PDB file of N, CA and C in Angstrom:
ATOM      1  N   ARG A   1       0.823  -1.198   0.000  1.00  0.00           N
ATOM      2  CA  ARG A   1       0.000   0.000   0.000  1.00  0.00           C
ATOM      3  C   ARG A   1       0.864   1.257   0.000  1.00  0.00           C
ATOM      4  N   GLN A   2       1.951   1.199   0.742  1.00  0.00           N
ATOM      5  CA  GLN A   2       2.825   2.363   0.801  1.00  0.00           C
ATOM      6  C   GLN A   2       3.446   2.641  -0.566  1.00  0.00           C
ATOM      7  N   ALA A   3       3.816   1.610  -1.279  1.00  0.00           N
ATOM      8  CA  ALA A   3       4.400   1.790  -2.614  1.00  0.00           C
ATOM      9  C   ALA A   3       3.410   2.474  -3.546  1.00  0.00           C
ATOM     10  N   ILE A   4       2.141   2.138  -3.402  1.00  0.00           N
ATOM     11  CA  ILE A   4       1.107   2.776  -4.227  1.00  0.00           C
ATOM     12  C   ILE A   4       1.019   4.252  -3.883  1.00  0.00           C
ATOM     13  N   ARG A   5       0.998   4.560  -2.585  1.00  0.00           N
ATOM     14  CA  ARG A   5       0.952   5.972  -2.162  1.00  0.00           C
ATOM     15  C   ARG A   5       2.207   6.713  -2.610  1.00  0.00           C
ATOM     16  N   ASP A   6       3.362   6.063  -2.474  1.00  0.00           N
ATOM     17  CA  ASP A   6       4.625   6.692  -2.883  1.00  0.00           C
ATOM     18  C   ASP A   6       4.642   7.016  -4.371  1.00  0.00           C
ATOM     19  N   ALA A   7       3.924   6.227  -5.160  1.00  0.00           N
ATOM     20  CA  ALA A   7       3.847   6.467  -6.602  1.00  0.00           C
ATOM     21  C   ALA A   7       2.829   7.547  -6.942  1.00  0.00           C
ATOM     22  N   GLY A   8       2.119   8.058  -5.933  1.00  0.00           N
ATOM     23  CA  GLY A   8       1.127   9.105  -6.174  1.00  0.00           C
ATOM     24  C   GLY A   8      -0.213   8.572  -6.624  1.00  0.00           C
ATOM     25  N   ALA A   9      -0.416   7.272  -6.478  1.00  0.00           N
ATOM     26  CA  ALA A   9      -1.684   6.660  -6.890  1.00  0.00           C
ATOM     27  C   ALA A   9      -2.587   6.481  -5.673  1.00  0.00           C
ATOM     28  N   LYS A  10      -3.856   6.269  -5.947  1.00  0.00           N
ATOM     29  CA  LYS A  10      -4.831   6.018  -4.888  1.00  0.00           C
ATOM     30  C   LYS A  10      -5.305   4.579  -4.982  1.00  0.00           C
ATOM     31  N   LEU A  11      -5.559   3.994  -3.854  1.00  0.00           N
ATOM     32  CA  LEU A  11      -6.030   2.619  -3.783  1.00  0.00           C
ATOM     33  C   LEU A  11      -7.500   2.627  -3.395  1.00  0.00           C
ATOM     34  N   PHE A  12      -8.320   1.997  -4.216  1.00  0.00           N
ATOM     35  CA  PHE A  12      -9.750   1.898  -3.940  1.00  0.00           C
ATOM     36  C   PHE A  12     -10.112   0.428  -3.818  1.00  0.00           C
ATOM     37  N   PHE A  13     -10.874   0.099  -2.808  1.00  0.00           N
ATOM     38  CA  PHE A  13     -11.320  -1.275  -2.621  1.00  0.00           C
ATOM     39  C   PHE A  13     -12.715  -1.437  -3.187  1.00  0.00           C
ATOM     40  N   LEU A  14     -12.919  -2.510  -3.935  1.00  0.00           N
ATOM     41  CA  LEU A  14     -14.223  -2.815  -4.513  1.00  0.00           C
ATOM     42  C   LEU A  14     -14.979  -3.763  -3.595  1.00  0.00           C
ATOM     43  N   PRO A  15     -16.305  -3.746  -3.670  1.00  0.00           N
ATOM     44  CA  PRO A  15     -17.066  -4.758  -2.932  1.00  0.00           C
ATOM     45  C   PRO A  15     -16.621  -6.150  -3.377  1.00  0.00           C
ATOM     46  N   LYS A  16     -16.845  -7.150  -2.525  1.00  0.00           N
ATOM     47  CA  LYS A  16     -16.331  -8.508  -2.780  1.00  0.00           C
ATOM     48  C   LYS A  16     -16.683  -9.050  -4.161  1.00  0.00           C
ATOM     49  N   TYR A  17     -17.917  -8.948  -4.583  1.00  0.00           N
ATOM     50  CA  TYR A  17     -18.281  -9.434  -5.915  1.00  0.00           C
ATOM     51  C   TYR A  17     -18.897  -8.274  -6.674  1.00  0.00           C
ATOM     52  N   SER A  18     -18.107  -7.656  -7.521  1.00  0.00           N
ATOM     53  CA  SER A  18     -18.597  -6.492  -8.260  1.00  0.00           C
ATOM     54  C   SER A  18     -17.997  -6.443  -9.660  1.00  0.00           C
ATOM     55  N   PRO A  19     -18.327  -7.420 -10.509  1.00  0.00           N
ATOM     56  CA  PRO A  19     -17.744  -7.421 -11.854  1.00  0.00           C
ATOM     57  C   PRO A  19     -18.117  -6.179 -12.656  1.00  0.00           C
ATOM     58  N   ASP A  20     -19.246  -5.552 -12.332  1.00  0.00           N
ATOM     59  CA  ASP A  20     -19.657  -4.350 -13.049  1.00  0.00           C
ATOM     60  C   ASP A  20     -18.735  -3.167 -12.748  1.00  0.00           C
ATOM     61  N   LEU A  21     -17.959  -3.239 -11.674  1.00  0.00           N
ATOM     62  CA  LEU A  21     -17.022  -2.168 -11.330  1.00  0.00           C
ATOM     63  C   LEU A  21     -15.586  -2.508 -11.718  1.00  0.00           C
ATOM     64  N   ASN A  22     -15.399  -3.648 -12.347  1.00  0.00           N
ATOM     65  CA  ASN A  22     -14.065  -4.129 -12.673  1.00  0.00           C
ATOM     66  C   ASN A  22     -13.910  -4.224 -14.195  1.00  0.00           C
ATOM     67  N   PRO A  23     -13.189  -3.278 -14.805  1.00  0.00           N
ATOM     68  CA  PRO A  23     -13.083  -3.251 -16.271  1.00  0.00           C
ATOM     69  C   PRO A  23     -12.550  -4.542 -16.890  1.00  0.00           C
ATOM     70  N   ILE A  24     -11.673  -5.261 -16.197  1.00  0.00           N
ATOM     71  CA  ILE A  24     -11.114  -6.482 -16.790  1.00  0.00           C
ATOM     72  C   ILE A  24     -12.200  -7.526 -17.004  1.00  0.00           C
ATOM     73  N   GLU A  25     -13.243  -7.506 -16.178  1.00  0.00           N
ATOM     74  CA  GLU A  25     -14.336  -8.468 -16.341  1.00  0.00           C
ATOM     75  C   GLU A  25     -15.059  -8.250 -17.667  1.00  0.00           C
ATOM     76  N   MET A  26     -15.128  -6.989 -18.111  1.00  0.00           N
ATOM     77  CA  MET A  26     -15.768  -6.694 -19.396  1.00  0.00           C
ATOM     78  C   MET A  26     -14.931  -7.254 -20.544  1.00  0.00           C
ATOM     79  N   LEU A  27     -13.614  -7.150 -20.412  1.00  0.00           N
ATOM     80  CA  LEU A  27     -12.737  -7.736 -21.431  1.00  0.00           C
ATOM     81  C   LEU A  27     -12.851  -9.259 -21.415  1.00  0.00           C
ATOM     82  N   PHE A  28     -12.886  -9.849 -20.217  1.00  0.00           N
ATOM     83  CA  PHE A  28     -13.032 -11.306 -20.129  1.00  0.00           C
ATOM     84  C   PHE A  28     -14.340 -11.762 -20.769  1.00  0.00           C
ATOM     85  N   ALA A  29     -15.417 -11.004 -20.568  1.00  0.00           N
ATOM     86  CA  ALA A  29     -16.708 -11.367 -21.166  1.00  0.00           C
ATOM     87  C   ALA A  29     -16.610 -11.352 -22.691  1.00  0.00           C
ATOM     88  N   LYS A  30     -15.956 -10.319 -23.229  1.00  0.00           N
ATOM     89  CA  LYS A  30     -15.776 -10.243 -24.687  1.00  0.00           C
ATOM     90  C   LYS A  30     -14.927 -11.415 -25.173  1.00  0.00           C
ATOM     91  N   LEU A  31     -13.851 -11.697 -24.462  1.00  0.00           N
ATOM     92  CA  LEU A  31     -12.961 -12.795 -24.833  1.00  0.00           C
ATOM     93  C   LEU A  31     -13.706 -14.129 -24.832  1.00  0.00           C
ATOM     94  N   LYS A  32     -14.477 -14.391 -23.786  1.00  0.00           N
ATOM     95  CA  LYS A  32     -15.219 -15.657 -23.711  1.00  0.00           C
ATOM     96  C   LYS A  32     -16.248 -15.768 -24.830  1.00  0.00           C
ATOM     97  N   HIS A  33     -16.924 -14.665 -25.129  1.00  0.00           N
ATOM     98  CA  HIS A  33     -17.920 -14.678 -26.209  1.00  0.00           C
ATOM     99  C   HIS A  33     -17.256 -15.027 -27.544  1.00  0.00           C
ATOM    100  N   LEU A  34     -16.149 -14.366 -27.839  1.00  0.00           N
ATOM    101  CA  LEU A  34     -15.474 -14.609 -29.116  1.00  0.00           C
ATOM    102  C   LEU A  34     -14.831 -15.995 -29.165  1.00  0.00           C
ATOM    103  N   LEU A  35     -14.377 -16.500 -28.029  1.00  0.00           N
ATOM    104  CA  LEU A  35     -13.837 -17.868 -28.002  1.00  0.00           C
ATOM    105  C   LEU A  35     -14.927 -18.892 -28.298  1.00  0.00           C
ATOM    106  N   ARG A  36     -16.116 -18.661 -27.752  1.00  0.00           N
ATOM    107  CA  ARG A  36     -17.218 -19.586 -28.041  1.00  0.00           C
ATOM    108  C   ARG A  36     -17.547 -19.575 -29.532  1.00  0.00           C
ATOM    109  N   LYS A  37     -17.525 -18.374 -30.137  1.00  0.00           N
ATOM    110  CA  LYS A  37     -17.795 -18.276 -31.573  1.00  0.00           C
ATOM    111  C   LYS A  37     -16.720 -18.994 -32.385  1.00  0.00           C
ATOM    112  N   ALA A  38     -15.482 -18.934 -31.927  1.00  0.00           N
ATOM    113  CA  ALA A  38     -14.383 -19.571 -32.657  1.00  0.00           C
ATOM    114  C   ALA A  38     -14.466 -21.095 -32.575  1.00  0.00           C
ATOM    115  N   ALA A  39     -15.091 -21.610 -31.529  1.00  0.00           N
ATOM    116  CA  ALA A  39     -15.337 -23.056 -31.353  1.00  0.00           C
ATOM    117  C   ALA A  39     -14.064 -23.894 -31.461  1.00  0.00           C
ATOM    118  N   ARG A  40     -12.979 -23.401 -30.910  1.00  0.00           N
ATOM    119  CA  ARG A  40     -11.730 -24.164 -30.898  1.00  0.00           C
ATOM    120  C   ARG A  40     -11.769 -25.146 -29.732  1.00  0.00           C
ATOM    121  N   ARG A  41     -11.202 -26.326 -29.931  1.00  0.00           N
ATOM    122  CA  ARG A  41     -11.305 -27.356 -28.898  1.00  0.00           C
ATOM    123  C   ARG A  41      -9.976 -27.924 -28.413  1.00  0.00           C
ATOM    124  N   ASN A  42      -8.880 -27.664 -29.103  1.00  0.00           N
ATOM    125  CA  ASN A  42      -7.614 -28.191 -28.589  1.00  0.00           C
ATOM    126  C   ASN A  42      -6.785 -27.031 -28.022  1.00  0.00           C
ATOM    127  N   PRO A  43      -5.891 -27.308 -27.084  1.00  0.00           N
ATOM    128  CA  PRO A  43      -5.163 -26.238 -26.388  1.00  0.00           C
ATOM    129  C   PRO A  43      -4.407 -25.280 -27.307  1.00  0.00           C
ATOM    130  N   ASP A  44      -3.739 -25.795 -28.334  1.00  0.00           N
ATOM    131  CA  ASP A  44      -2.990 -24.909 -29.233  1.00  0.00           C
ATOM    132  C   ASP A  44      -3.921 -23.972 -29.993  1.00  0.00           C
ATOM    133  N   ALA A  45      -5.035 -24.494 -30.474  1.00  0.00           N
ATOM    134  CA  ALA A  45      -5.988 -23.664 -31.210  1.00  0.00           C
ATOM    135  C   ALA A  45      -6.617 -22.622 -30.295  1.00  0.00           C
ATOM    136  N   ILE A  46      -6.876 -22.992 -29.054  1.00  0.00           N
ATOM    137  CA  ILE A  46      -7.447 -22.039 -28.093  1.00  0.00           C
ATOM    138  C   ILE A  46      -6.450 -20.920 -27.816  1.00  0.00           C
ATOM    139  N   CYS A  47      -5.194 -21.263 -27.595  1.00  0.00           N
ATOM    140  CA  CYS A  47      -4.164 -20.240 -27.361  1.00  0.00           C
ATOM    141  C   CYS A  47      -4.021 -19.310 -28.558  1.00  0.00           C
ATOM    142  N   ASP A  48      -4.046 -19.870 -29.755  1.00  0.00           N
ATOM    143  CA  ASP A  48      -3.972 -19.047 -30.969  1.00  0.00           C
ATOM    144  C   ASP A  48      -5.178 -18.124 -31.072  1.00  0.00           C
ATOM    145  N   ALA A  49      -6.359 -18.643 -30.747  1.00  0.00           N
ATOM    146  CA  ALA A  49      -7.578 -17.832 -30.813  1.00  0.00           C
ATOM    147  C   ALA A  49      -7.524 -16.701 -29.792  1.00  0.00           C
ATOM    148  N   ILE A  50      -7.057 -16.992 -28.578  1.00  0.00           N
ATOM    149  CA  ILE A  50      -6.943 -15.947 -27.550  1.00  0.00           C
ATOM    150  C   ILE A  50      -6.001 -14.850 -28.019  1.00  0.00           C
ATOM    151  N   ALA A  51      -4.851 -15.231 -28.559  1.00  0.00           N
ATOM    152  CA  ALA A  51      -3.890 -14.237 -29.046  1.00  0.00           C
ATOM    153  C   ALA A  51      -4.502 -13.381 -30.149  1.00  0.00           C
ATOM    154  N   SER A  52      -5.212 -14.007 -31.067  1.00  0.00           N
ATOM    155  CA  SER A  52      -5.845 -13.262 -32.161  1.00  0.00           C
ATOM    156  C   SER A  52      -6.904 -12.307 -31.640  1.00  0.00           C
ATOM    157  N   ILE A  53      -7.699 -12.777 -30.692  1.00  0.00           N
ATOM    158  CA  ILE A  53      -8.757 -11.932 -30.128  1.00  0.00           C
ATOM    159  C   ILE A  53      -8.154 -10.748 -29.385  1.00  0.00           C
ATOM    160  N   LEU A  54      -7.138 -10.990 -28.561  1.00  0.00           N
ATOM    161  CA  LEU A  54      -6.527  -9.896 -27.803  1.00  0.00           C
ATOM    162  C   LEU A  54      -5.886  -8.865 -28.722  1.00  0.00           C
ATOM    163  N   ASP A  55      -5.398  -9.303 -29.879  1.00  0.00           N
ATOM    164  CA  ASP A  55      -4.829  -8.359 -30.848  1.00  0.00           C
ATOM    165  C   ASP A  55      -5.875  -7.403 -31.405  1.00  0.00           C
ATOM    166  N   THR A  56      -7.154  -7.754 -31.296  1.00  0.00           N
ATOM    167  CA  THR A  56      -8.206  -6.891 -31.845  1.00  0.00           C
ATOM    168  C   THR A  56      -8.706  -5.854 -30.847  1.00  0.00           C
ATOM    169  N   VAL A  57      -8.298  -5.962 -29.585  1.00  0.00           N
ATOM    170  CA  VAL A  57      -8.761  -5.017 -28.561  1.00  0.00           C
ATOM    171  C   VAL A  57      -8.048  -3.686 -28.774  1.00  0.00           C
ATOM    172  N   THR A  58      -8.831  -2.622 -28.886  1.00  0.00           N
ATOM    173  CA  THR A  58      -8.280  -1.303 -29.189  1.00  0.00           C
ATOM    174  C   THR A  58      -8.266  -0.413 -27.941  1.00  0.00           C
ATOM    175  N   PRO A  59      -7.419   0.613 -27.931  1.00  0.00           N
ATOM    176  CA  PRO A  59      -7.437   1.557 -26.812  1.00  0.00           C
ATOM    177  C   PRO A  59      -8.823   2.177 -26.575  1.00  0.00           C
ATOM    178  N   PRO A  60      -9.570   2.564 -27.634  1.00  0.00           N
ATOM    179  CA  PRO A  60     -10.916   3.092 -27.368  1.00  0.00           C
ATOM    180  C   PRO A  60     -11.828   2.076 -26.670  1.00  0.00           C
ATOM    181  N   GLN A  61     -11.713   0.797 -27.026  1.00  0.00           N
ATOM    182  CA  GLN A  61     -12.514  -0.221 -26.335  1.00  0.00           C
ATOM    183  C   GLN A  61     -12.121  -0.295 -24.865  1.00  0.00           C
ATOM    184  N   CYS A  62     -10.840  -0.243 -24.584  1.00  0.00           N
ATOM    185  CA  CYS A  62     -10.385  -0.286 -23.191  1.00  0.00           C
ATOM    186  C   CYS A  62     -10.907   0.918 -22.415  1.00  0.00           C
ATOM    187  N   ARG A  63     -10.844   2.102 -23.026  1.00  0.00           N
ATOM    188  CA  ARG A  63     -11.388   3.292 -22.364  1.00  0.00           C
ATOM    189  C   ARG A  63     -12.873   3.122 -22.096  1.00  0.00           C
ATOM    190  N   ASN A  64     -13.588   2.510 -23.036  1.00  0.00           N
ATOM    191  CA  ASN A  64     -15.016   2.272 -22.866  1.00  0.00           C
ATOM    192  C   ASN A  64     -15.282   1.312 -21.705  1.00  0.00           C
ATOM    193  N   PHE A  65     -14.466   0.277 -21.566  1.00  0.00           N
ATOM    194  CA  PHE A  65     -14.621  -0.650 -20.436  1.00  0.00           C
ATOM    195  C   PHE A  65     -14.500   0.111 -19.116  1.00  0.00           C
ATOM    196  N   PHE A  66     -13.506   1.004 -19.028  1.00  0.00           N
ATOM    197  CA  PHE A  66     -13.329   1.789 -17.806  1.00  0.00           C
ATOM    198  C   PHE A  66     -14.499   2.744 -17.592  1.00  0.00           C
ATOM    199  N   ALA A  67     -14.952   3.389 -18.668  1.00  0.00           N
ATOM    200  CA  ALA A  67     -16.087   4.315 -18.551  1.00  0.00           C
ATOM    201  C   ALA A  67     -17.342   3.583 -18.086  1.00  0.00           C
ATOM    202  N   GLN A  68     -17.586   2.389 -18.631  1.00  0.00           N
ATOM    203  CA  GLN A  68     -18.762   1.613 -18.222  1.00  0.00           C
ATOM    204  C   GLN A  68     -18.694   1.210 -16.754  1.00  0.00           C
ATOM    205  N   ALA A  69     -17.477   1.074 -16.229  1.00  0.00           N
ATOM    206  CA  ALA A  69     -17.306   0.713 -14.823  1.00  0.00           C
ATOM    207  C   ALA A  69     -17.335   1.945 -13.921  1.00  0.00           C
ATOM    208  N   GLY A  70     -17.503   3.127 -14.527  1.00  0.00           N
ATOM    209  CA  GLY A  70     -17.629   4.347 -13.738  1.00  0.00           C
ATOM    210  C   GLY A  70     -16.333   5.079 -13.475  1.00  0.00           C
ATOM    211  N   TYR A  71     -15.266   4.723 -14.190  1.00  0.00           N
ATOM    212  CA  TYR A  71     -13.982   5.387 -13.996  1.00  0.00           C
ATOM    213  C   TYR A  71     -13.839   6.537 -14.982  1.00  0.00           C
ATOM    214  N   ASP A  72     -13.316   7.658 -14.495  1.00  0.00           N
ATOM    215  CA  ASP A  72     -13.054   8.815 -15.341  1.00  0.00           C
ATOM    216  C   ASP A  72     -11.556   8.843 -15.623  1.00  0.00           C
ATOM    217  N   LEU A  73     -11.163   8.619 -16.863  1.00  0.00           N
ATOM    218  CA  LEU A  73      -9.744   8.534 -17.213  1.00  0.00           C
ATOM    219  C   LEU A  73      -9.145   9.861 -17.662  1.00  0.00           C
ATOM    220  N   ARG A  74      -9.877  10.923 -17.491  1.00  0.00           N
ATOM    221  CA  ARG A  74      -9.324  12.221 -17.899  1.00  0.00           C
ATOM    222  C   ARG A  74      -8.354  12.749 -16.901  1.00  0.00           C
TER     223      ARG A  74
END
């Protein structure tokens, strides 16, 4: 915690189960949806599909995930 304060950042605690406040959960939901569409079944194909999907995530999409979770990135 001290390292976070020393870096000039603030630490906020989320309620125990709050995926709507956690931007990474929105990315995971998108990833799972696209993986289901890809219908890959062996480990190598799944890893390749994950890499391809993550390559399509754009900075504006990431900003949108944060905005939907109520974070102001300005």
